[in-house]
Structure formats: C-alpha cells, structure tokens
Amino acid sequence: MTNPLTRQRYNTLRRLPFITVPTLVVWGRDDPINSLAEGGMPTANGIPGARLIVYDNTGHSVPWEQPVRFPGDVLDFLRT
C-alpha cells in the first residue's frame, strides 16, 4: 500500500509474526501498486520462516504474468 493513510488504517504487518504455518510470498519486482521494498520484503520478513520469490519483469498479477513458472514454484514449495 503506497498511500500512507491506507497503510496506517489497514496495517496488517503487525499481525504477520503470529502466522505459524509455512508461507510462500510471491512478488513481482515491477509491481506498480505495492513495491517490493514497501510490500514484499516487509511481508516476507514479518512472517517467521517465510520464503520469498521475486519475479523479474513482472507486475502485480504474478499468476497471470508468469503462468508457467508460478505453478511450478508453488508446487515446489508445497512439496517441501
């Protein structure tokens, strides 16, 4: 969330440390809505043991923009 007022109102980052299940965070490096620095990294760093996969040349819609790679990454994560 790039809007500071929205980020303050809907700050879910404070809840992330309470997630206790294996978590895969996928992020498009070129996401125009939520940047990697302000969204992806804090999300992945906030969840204990989370795995972050960053997709180059990808925006906000990772599954649609990476229809071949994305399912494989999810399956690999689920197998671990």
Foldseek 3Di string as FASTA:
>chain_A
DPDPVVCVVPVCLVVQCVDDDEAEAEAECAAPPAHCVRPVVSNQVSHPPYHYDYDYPDYDDVCVVPVPVVVVVVVVSVVD
